[in-house]
Protein backbone atom coordinates (compact mmCIF):
# COMPACT_ATOMS: atom_id res chain seq x y z
CA MET A 1 7.14 -70.83 -229.16
CA VAL A 2 10.42 -70.15 -227.36
CA ASN A 3 12.07 -68.56 -230.38
CA GLY A 4 9.01 -66.53 -231.37
CA TYR A 5 7.68 -65.33 -228.03
CA LEU A 6 10.67 -65.41 -225.72
CA LYS A 7 13.55 -64.66 -228.08
CA GLY A 8 11.67 -62.56 -230.65
CA LYS A 9 12.92 -64.56 -233.62
CA ALA A 10 10.87 -64.78 -236.79
CA PRO A 11 9.31 -68.20 -237.38
CA ALA A 12 10.58 -70.43 -240.16
CA ALA A 13 8.79 -69.91 -243.45
CA PHE A 14 5.60 -71.98 -243.60
CA ASP A 15 3.29 -71.38 -246.55
CA LEU A 16 0.01 -72.02 -244.72
CA LEU A 17 0.75 -69.42 -242.07
CA PHE A 18 1.38 -66.78 -244.75
CA TRP A 19 -2.40 -66.49 -245.07
CA ASN A 20 -2.62 -65.34 -241.47
CA GLY A 21 -0.92 -62.10 -242.56
CA ASP A 22 -3.87 -61.20 -244.81
CA ASP A 23 -5.47 -58.84 -242.30
CA THR A 24 -8.82 -57.22 -242.87
CA ASN A 25 -7.84 -54.04 -241.03
CA LEU A 26 -11.44 -53.19 -240.15
CA PRO A 27 -12.20 -50.01 -238.16
CA GLY A 28 -12.56 -50.83 -234.43
CA PRO A 29 -16.26 -49.99 -233.99
CA MET A 30 -17.20 -51.87 -237.16
CA TYR A 31 -15.14 -54.90 -236.08
CA CYS A 32 -16.80 -54.92 -232.65
CA TRP A 33 -20.25 -54.72 -234.26
CA TYR A 34 -19.32 -57.51 -236.67
CA LEU A 35 -18.07 -59.86 -233.93
CA ARG A 36 -21.00 -59.14 -231.61
CA ASN A 37 -23.77 -59.44 -234.21
CA THR A 38 -22.48 -62.21 -236.44
CA TYR A 39 -20.43 -64.38 -234.08
CA LEU A 40 -21.57 -63.85 -230.50
CA GLU A 41 -25.30 -63.27 -231.05
CA ASN A 42 -25.57 -64.90 -234.51
CA LYS A 43 -28.19 -62.33 -235.56
CA LEU A 44 -27.52 -62.64 -239.27
CA ARG A 45 -29.44 -65.94 -239.32
CA GLU A 46 -32.57 -64.23 -237.95
CA PRO A 47 -34.74 -62.47 -240.58
CA GLY A 48 -34.49 -58.78 -239.69
CA GLY A 49 -31.93 -59.53 -236.96
CA THR A 50 -29.55 -56.96 -238.43
CA VAL A 51 -30.20 -53.80 -240.43
CA GLN A 52 -27.81 -52.45 -243.07
CA CYS A 53 -28.43 -49.15 -244.84
CA SER A 54 -31.90 -48.99 -243.23
CA VAL A 55 -32.85 -52.38 -244.71
CA PRO A 56 -33.57 -55.39 -242.48
CA VAL A 57 -31.47 -58.32 -243.67
CA ASP A 58 -33.25 -61.59 -244.46
CA LEU A 59 -30.92 -64.21 -245.94
CA SER A 60 -33.86 -66.31 -247.14
CA ARG A 61 -34.70 -63.54 -249.62
CA ILE A 62 -31.34 -63.98 -251.35
CA ASP A 63 -32.32 -65.90 -254.45
CA ALA A 64 -28.86 -66.41 -255.87
CA PRO A 65 -26.78 -69.57 -256.26
CA ALA A 66 -24.43 -70.21 -253.34
CA PHE A 67 -21.46 -72.52 -252.90
CA ILE A 68 -20.75 -73.10 -249.22
CA TYR A 69 -17.43 -74.69 -248.30
CA ALA A 70 -16.35 -75.86 -244.86
CA SER A 71 -13.33 -77.76 -243.53
CA ARG A 72 -14.06 -80.83 -241.41
CA ASP A 73 -11.55 -80.08 -238.65
CA ASP A 74 -11.93 -76.29 -238.66
CA HIS A 75 -11.50 -74.91 -235.15
CA ILE A 76 -12.91 -71.46 -236.01
CA VAL A 77 -15.97 -72.34 -238.10
CA PRO A 78 -17.19 -75.82 -237.11
CA TRP A 79 -18.37 -77.53 -240.27
CA LYS A 80 -21.80 -78.42 -238.87
CA THR A 81 -22.35 -74.73 -238.11
CA ALA A 82 -21.31 -73.82 -241.66
CA TYR A 83 -23.69 -76.48 -242.97
CA ALA A 84 -26.56 -74.81 -241.12
CA GLY A 85 -26.06 -71.91 -243.54
CA THR A 86 -27.48 -74.09 -246.32
CA GLN A 87 -30.86 -73.81 -244.61
CA LEU A 88 -30.77 -69.99 -244.52
CA LEU A 89 -30.39 -68.94 -248.15
CA GLY A 90 -33.24 -68.71 -250.62
CA GLY A 91 -31.41 -69.77 -253.76
CA GLU A 92 -29.90 -73.00 -255.03
CA THR A 93 -27.14 -73.99 -252.60
CA ARG A 94 -24.27 -76.44 -252.89
CA PHE A 95 -22.29 -77.61 -249.85
CA VAL A 96 -18.81 -79.13 -250.01
CA LEU A 97 -16.86 -80.38 -247.02
CA GLY A 98 -13.09 -80.50 -247.26
CA ALA A 99 -10.74 -82.58 -245.16
CA SER A 100 -8.33 -81.00 -242.70
CA GLY A 101 -8.54 -77.75 -240.77
CA HIS A 102 -9.22 -74.06 -241.09
CA ILE A 103 -6.42 -73.17 -243.50
CA ALA A 104 -5.02 -76.48 -244.75
CA GLY A 105 -8.43 -77.63 -245.92
CA VAL A 106 -8.95 -74.54 -248.05
CA ILE A 107 -5.41 -74.17 -249.38
CA ASN A 108 -5.34 -77.56 -251.06
CA PRO A 109 -4.55 -77.17 -254.76
CA PRO A 110 -5.38 -80.08 -257.07
CA ALA A 111 -1.77 -80.51 -258.21
CA LYS A 112 -0.73 -81.62 -254.72
CA LYS A 113 -3.13 -84.59 -254.89
CA LYS A 114 -3.70 -84.44 -251.13
CA ARG A 115 -6.64 -84.97 -248.81
CA ASN A 116 -10.23 -85.45 -249.93
CA HIS A 117 -13.61 -83.74 -249.87
CA TRP A 118 -17.25 -84.74 -249.59
CA VAL A 119 -20.15 -83.78 -251.86
CA GLY A 120 -23.82 -84.67 -251.78
CA ASP A 121 -27.39 -83.52 -251.95
CA LEU A 122 -28.53 -81.26 -249.14
CA ALA A 123 -30.22 -82.88 -246.16
CA ALA A 124 -32.16 -81.57 -243.17
CA ASP A 125 -29.05 -81.58 -240.96
CA ALA A 126 -25.29 -81.91 -241.20
CA GLY A 127 -25.11 -85.47 -239.85
CA ALA A 128 -27.63 -86.76 -242.38
CA TRP A 129 -25.77 -84.93 -245.14
CA LEU A 130 -22.42 -86.54 -244.23
CA ASP A 131 -23.99 -90.01 -243.90
CA ASN A 132 -25.06 -89.80 -247.55
CA ALA A 133 -22.19 -87.70 -248.95
CA GLN A 134 -19.62 -89.14 -251.32
CA SER A 135 -15.93 -88.88 -250.42
CA ILE A 136 -13.79 -87.80 -253.37
CA ASP A 137 -10.01 -87.98 -253.36
CA GLY A 138 -8.11 -84.75 -253.84
CA SER A 139 -8.82 -81.05 -253.60
CA TRP A 140 -12.31 -79.54 -253.56
CA TRP A 141 -11.17 -76.88 -256.05
CA PRO A 142 -12.32 -78.82 -259.18
CA ALA A 143 -15.82 -79.13 -257.67
CA TRP A 144 -15.82 -75.37 -257.14
CA SER A 145 -14.57 -74.71 -260.69
CA GLU A 146 -17.29 -76.94 -262.13
CA TRP A 147 -19.95 -75.19 -260.05
CA LEU A 148 -18.65 -71.76 -261.10
CA ALA A 149 -18.73 -72.78 -264.76
CA THR A 150 -22.44 -73.61 -264.51
CA HIS A 151 -23.16 -70.12 -263.15
CA ALA A 152 -20.81 -68.07 -265.30
CA GLY A 153 -21.37 -66.40 -268.60
CA ALA A 154 -19.37 -67.04 -271.71
CA LYS A 155 -15.61 -66.90 -271.36
CA VAL A 156 -13.96 -63.83 -272.84
CA ALA A 157 -10.33 -63.26 -273.69
CA ALA A 158 -8.33 -61.07 -271.35
CA ARG A 159 -7.91 -57.49 -272.49
CA ARG A 160 -4.66 -56.68 -274.22
CA ALA A 161 -4.67 -53.07 -273.02
CA LEU A 162 -6.03 -51.59 -269.82
CA GLY A 163 -8.36 -48.62 -269.58
CA SER A 164 -10.79 -47.18 -272.09
CA ALA A 165 -12.08 -43.81 -273.23
CA GLU A 166 -14.78 -44.01 -270.57
CA PHE A 167 -12.48 -45.37 -267.85
CA PRO A 168 -8.90 -44.20 -268.47
CA ILE A 169 -5.98 -45.54 -266.46
CA ILE A 170 -5.42 -43.34 -263.40
CA GLU A 171 -1.96 -44.59 -262.41
CA PRO A 172 0.21 -47.73 -262.67
CA VAL A 173 -0.82 -50.77 -260.68
CA PRO A 174 -1.05 -51.56 -257.85
CA GLY A 175 -2.09 -47.95 -257.18
CA ARG A 176 -1.19 -45.60 -254.35
CA TYR A 177 -4.20 -46.64 -252.26
CA VAL A 178 -2.63 -50.11 -251.91
CA LYS A 179 0.60 -48.59 -250.65
CA ALA A 180 -1.07 -46.21 -248.17
CA LYS A 181 -0.81 -47.22 -244.53
CA ALA A 182 -4.10 -47.50 -242.69
CA ALA A 183 -4.39 -45.27 -239.66
């Protein structure tokens, strides 16, 4: 705190905090709308509570598989609030609860063999779900990979050459749009 705020020194490298630099850079009016409607007023959970492209949004009409992850000690998205999302979607939904907080719970690769996560059948509320959930040692990533595999098509080999006759390469990666500064 003293070095960073009072002396203006850069903090020591810390891999978890690197993710904080991944800004969304949303336009101001859109960001204000987003915070007001989805966080403050929580209108997205209400059928027709928000309208996008002249269409009232009703999450219960989304009939697609969903994997909802939350971190148990998350200070930004409390896990019980995230769990409530399982009751909003119309399709098959899987909920996994990871140990730790907002970033550390998510950034937990299997190779580190750290922490744990909980899995279980959905219940009417978060407390009932956790009471019956199974704690599994290690990262939640393998559970996610397994879930993805059940909803993915056949695996295909990576292309050896980029572009095609229909979609030719425009310029070398990463592309000038990535390098352009947002106003």
